[in-house]
Amino acid sequence: MLLDLFVSEYHGRKVSTTSACIAADVPATTALRWLDLLEKKGLIQRALTTRDKRVKYVALTNKAREALCALLRRQLLSTR
């Protein structure tokens, strides 16, 4: 989920909660539980849309973005 949000952010795409659940390829209840956990850990944030109050977008927090950048950097350097 975090990597999918990272890539979507890089491409300038917003991700709805529903899209995040579908991309996780697990039952919606499982995906929602994971999103709740990630939010409690300060790795994602949810925001309402201006058009439709029923839709929430999911985005990485700075904490998650920095951690993913560091992880990917380490992976890249270890493969050289």
N, C-alpha and C. Protein backbone atom coordinates (compact mmCIF):
# COMPACT_ATOMS: atom_id res chain seq x y z
N MET A 1 0.82 -1.19 0.00
CA MET A 1 0.00 0.00 0.00
C MET A 1 0.87 1.26 0.00
N LEU A 2 1.89 1.25 0.85
CA LEU A 2 2.75 2.42 0.93
C LEU A 2 3.48 2.66 -0.38
N LEU A 3 3.98 1.60 -0.98
CA LEU A 3 4.70 1.75 -2.25
C LEU A 3 3.75 2.23 -3.35
N ASP A 4 2.54 1.72 -3.36
CA ASP A 4 1.56 2.16 -4.35
C ASP A 4 1.25 3.64 -4.17
N LEU A 5 1.11 4.08 -2.94
CA LEU A 5 0.87 5.51 -2.68
C LEU A 5 2.07 6.35 -3.08
N PHE A 6 3.26 5.82 -2.84
CA PHE A 6 4.50 6.51 -3.21
C PHE A 6 4.57 6.73 -4.72
N VAL A 7 4.30 5.68 -5.48
CA VAL A 7 4.36 5.75 -6.94
C VAL A 7 3.25 6.67 -7.46
N SER A 8 2.06 6.56 -6.91
CA SER A 8 0.96 7.42 -7.34
C SER A 8 1.28 8.89 -7.09
N GLU A 9 1.87 9.16 -5.94
CA GLU A 9 2.26 10.54 -5.62
C GLU A 9 3.31 11.05 -6.61
N TYR A 10 4.27 10.21 -6.94
CA TYR A 10 5.32 10.58 -7.89
C TYR A 10 4.70 10.98 -9.24
N HIS A 11 3.66 10.26 -9.64
CA HIS A 11 3.00 10.53 -10.92
C HIS A 11 1.92 11.60 -10.79
N GLY A 12 1.76 12.17 -9.60
CA GLY A 12 0.79 13.25 -9.41
C GLY A 12 -0.65 12.80 -9.36
N ARG A 13 -0.87 11.53 -9.03
CA ARG A 13 -2.23 11.00 -8.96
C ARG A 13 -2.70 10.92 -7.52
N LYS A 14 -3.92 11.35 -7.30
CA LYS A 14 -4.53 11.20 -5.98
C LYS A 14 -5.12 9.79 -5.90
N VAL A 15 -5.13 9.23 -4.70
CA VAL A 15 -5.63 7.87 -4.50
C VAL A 15 -6.79 7.92 -3.50
N SER A 16 -7.94 7.44 -3.93
CA SER A 16 -9.08 7.37 -3.02
C SER A 16 -8.92 6.13 -2.14
N THR A 17 -9.64 6.12 -1.04
CA THR A 17 -9.61 4.97 -0.15
C THR A 17 -10.02 3.72 -0.91
N THR A 18 -11.04 3.83 -1.73
CA THR A 18 -11.52 2.69 -2.52
C THR A 18 -10.43 2.17 -3.45
N SER A 19 -9.75 3.07 -4.13
CA SER A 19 -8.67 2.68 -5.05
C SER A 19 -7.53 2.01 -4.30
N ALA A 20 -7.20 2.52 -3.12
CA ALA A 20 -6.14 1.92 -2.31
C ALA A 20 -6.52 0.50 -1.90
N CYS A 21 -7.77 0.29 -1.57
CA CYS A 21 -8.25 -1.05 -1.19
C CYS A 21 -8.18 -2.00 -2.38
N ILE A 22 -8.59 -1.54 -3.54
CA ILE A 22 -8.56 -2.39 -4.74
C ILE A 22 -7.12 -2.73 -5.10
N ALA A 23 -6.23 -1.75 -5.04
CA ALA A 23 -4.83 -1.97 -5.39
C ALA A 23 -4.16 -2.95 -4.44
N ALA A 24 -4.61 -3.01 -3.20
CA ALA A 24 -4.02 -3.93 -2.23
C ALA A 24 -4.33 -5.38 -2.55
N ASP A 25 -5.36 -5.61 -3.35
CA ASP A 25 -5.75 -6.96 -3.79
C ASP A 25 -6.03 -7.89 -2.61
N VAL A 26 -6.70 -7.34 -1.62
CA VAL A 26 -7.17 -8.11 -0.47
C VAL A 26 -8.61 -7.72 -0.23
N PRO A 27 -9.33 -8.47 0.59
CA PRO A 27 -10.71 -8.04 0.89
C PRO A 27 -10.73 -6.62 1.44
N ALA A 28 -11.78 -5.89 1.12
CA ALA A 28 -11.89 -4.48 1.52
C ALA A 28 -11.73 -4.31 3.03
N THR A 29 -12.29 -5.22 3.81
CA THR A 29 -12.19 -5.09 5.27
C THR A 29 -10.73 -5.18 5.72
N THR A 30 -9.96 -6.04 5.08
CA THR A 30 -8.54 -6.18 5.41
C THR A 30 -7.79 -4.91 5.03
N ALA A 31 -8.04 -4.41 3.83
CA ALA A 31 -7.37 -3.19 3.37
C ALA A 31 -7.72 -2.01 4.27
N LEU A 32 -8.97 -1.89 4.67
CA LEU A 32 -9.37 -0.79 5.54
C LEU A 32 -8.71 -0.91 6.91
N ARG A 33 -8.56 -2.13 7.41
CA ARG A 33 -7.85 -2.34 8.68
C ARG A 33 -6.41 -1.88 8.57
N TRP A 34 -5.77 -2.22 7.44
CA TRP A 34 -4.38 -1.79 7.22
C TRP A 34 -4.28 -0.27 7.11
N LEU A 35 -5.22 0.34 6.42
CA LEU A 35 -5.21 1.80 6.30
C LEU A 35 -5.38 2.45 7.68
N ASP A 36 -6.26 1.89 8.50
CA ASP A 36 -6.42 2.40 9.86
C ASP A 36 -5.12 2.30 10.65
N LEU A 37 -4.44 1.16 10.53
CA LEU A 37 -3.18 0.95 11.24
C LEU A 37 -2.10 1.92 10.75
N LEU A 38 -2.00 2.08 9.42
CA LEU A 38 -1.01 3.01 8.86
C LEU A 38 -1.29 4.44 9.30
N GLU A 39 -2.56 4.79 9.40
CA GLU A 39 -2.92 6.14 9.84
C GLU A 39 -2.54 6.32 11.32
N LYS A 40 -2.82 5.32 12.14
CA LYS A 40 -2.47 5.40 13.57
C LYS A 40 -0.96 5.51 13.77
N LYS A 41 -0.19 4.89 12.89
CA LYS A 41 1.27 4.94 12.98
C LYS A 41 1.85 6.21 12.36
N GLY A 42 0.97 7.05 11.80
CA GLY A 42 1.42 8.32 11.24
C GLY A 42 2.06 8.19 9.87
N LEU A 43 1.72 7.12 9.13
CA LEU A 43 2.32 6.90 7.82
C LEU A 43 1.44 7.36 6.67
N ILE A 44 0.13 7.44 6.91
CA ILE A 44 -0.78 7.97 5.89
C ILE A 44 -1.70 8.98 6.54
N GLN A 45 -2.30 9.79 5.69
CA GLN A 45 -3.34 10.71 6.15
C GLN A 45 -4.50 10.63 5.17
N ARG A 46 -5.67 10.87 5.67
CA ARG A 46 -6.87 10.85 4.83
C ARG A 46 -7.45 12.25 4.79
N ALA A 47 -7.99 12.60 3.62
CA ALA A 47 -8.59 13.93 3.45
C ALA A 47 -9.86 13.81 2.64
N LEU A 48 -10.87 14.58 3.01
CA LEU A 48 -12.12 14.61 2.25
C LEU A 48 -11.90 15.34 0.93
N THR A 49 -12.69 14.98 -0.05
CA THR A 49 -12.64 15.72 -1.32
C THR A 49 -13.55 16.94 -1.20
N THR A 50 -13.33 17.88 -2.06
CA THR A 50 -14.20 19.07 -2.05
C THR A 50 -15.49 18.81 -2.80
N ARG A 51 -15.45 17.90 -3.75
CA ARG A 51 -16.64 17.63 -4.58
C ARG A 51 -17.63 16.69 -3.92
N ASP A 52 -17.13 15.60 -3.33
CA ASP A 52 -18.01 14.56 -2.81
C ASP A 52 -17.55 14.20 -1.41
N LYS A 53 -18.32 14.57 -0.42
CA LYS A 53 -17.93 14.37 0.98
C LYS A 53 -17.85 12.89 1.36
N ARG A 54 -18.36 12.00 0.51
CA ARG A 54 -18.28 10.56 0.80
C ARG A 54 -16.93 9.98 0.44
N VAL A 55 -16.18 10.68 -0.41
CA VAL A 55 -14.89 10.18 -0.90
C VAL A 55 -13.76 10.77 -0.08
N LYS A 56 -12.83 9.90 0.33
CA LYS A 56 -11.63 10.36 1.02
C LYS A 56 -10.41 9.96 0.20
N TYR A 57 -9.44 10.86 0.17
CA TYR A 57 -8.17 10.54 -0.47
C TYR A 57 -7.19 10.08 0.60
N VAL A 58 -6.29 9.21 0.20
CA VAL A 58 -5.27 8.68 1.08
C VAL A 58 -3.93 9.18 0.54
N ALA A 59 -3.06 9.66 1.42
CA ALA A 59 -1.75 10.15 1.00
C ALA A 59 -0.71 9.81 2.05
N LEU A 60 0.52 9.73 1.60
CA LEU A 60 1.63 9.49 2.52
C LEU A 60 1.87 10.72 3.38
N THR A 61 2.34 10.50 4.58
CA THR A 61 2.82 11.59 5.41
C THR A 61 4.30 11.80 5.08
N ASN A 62 4.85 12.89 5.54
CA ASN A 62 6.29 13.12 5.34
C ASN A 62 7.11 12.00 5.95
N LYS A 63 6.69 11.52 7.10
CA LYS A 63 7.39 10.43 7.79
C LYS A 63 7.48 9.20 6.87
N ALA A 64 6.38 8.81 6.26
CA ALA A 64 6.36 7.64 5.38
C ALA A 64 7.18 7.89 4.12
N ARG A 65 7.03 9.08 3.54
CA ARG A 65 7.76 9.42 2.31
C ARG A 65 9.27 9.36 2.54
N GLU A 66 9.72 9.94 3.64
CA GLU A 66 11.15 9.94 3.96
C GLU A 66 11.65 8.51 4.20
N ALA A 67 10.86 7.71 4.90
CA ALA A 67 11.26 6.32 5.17
C ALA A 67 11.34 5.51 3.87
N LEU A 68 10.38 5.70 2.98
CA LEU A 68 10.41 4.98 1.71
C LEU A 68 11.58 5.43 0.84
N CYS A 69 11.86 6.72 0.82
CA CYS A 69 13.01 7.22 0.05
C CYS A 69 14.30 6.61 0.57
N ALA A 70 14.45 6.57 1.89
CA ALA A 70 15.66 6.00 2.49
C ALA A 70 15.77 4.51 2.18
N LEU A 71 14.67 3.79 2.28
CA LEU A 71 14.66 2.36 1.98
C LEU A 71 15.03 2.10 0.52
N LEU A 72 14.43 2.84 -0.38
CA LEU A 72 14.72 2.65 -1.81
C LEU A 72 16.16 3.04 -2.14
N ARG A 73 16.66 4.08 -1.50
CA ARG A 73 18.05 4.49 -1.69
C ARG A 73 19.00 3.37 -1.25
N ARG A 74 18.73 2.79 -0.07
CA ARG A 74 19.57 1.69 0.44
C ARG A 74 19.52 0.50 -0.51
N GLN A 75 18.33 0.19 -1.00
CA GLN A 75 18.19 -0.93 -1.94
C GLN A 75 18.99 -0.69 -3.20
N LEU A 76 18.89 0.52 -3.73
CA LEU A 76 19.60 0.87 -4.94
C LEU A 76 21.11 0.77 -4.73
N LEU A 77 21.59 1.28 -3.62
CA LEU A 77 23.04 1.25 -3.34
C LEU A 77 23.54 -0.17 -3.08
N SER A 78 22.70 -1.02 -2.52
CA SER A 78 23.14 -2.39 -2.22
C SER A 78 23.19 -3.26 -3.47
N THR A 79 22.56 -2.83 -4.56
CA THR A 79 22.56 -3.63 -5.79
C THR A 79 23.69 -3.22 -6.72
N ARG A 80 24.46 -2.20 -6.34
CA ARG A 80 25.55 -1.72 -7.21
C ARG A 80 26.79 -2.51 -6.97
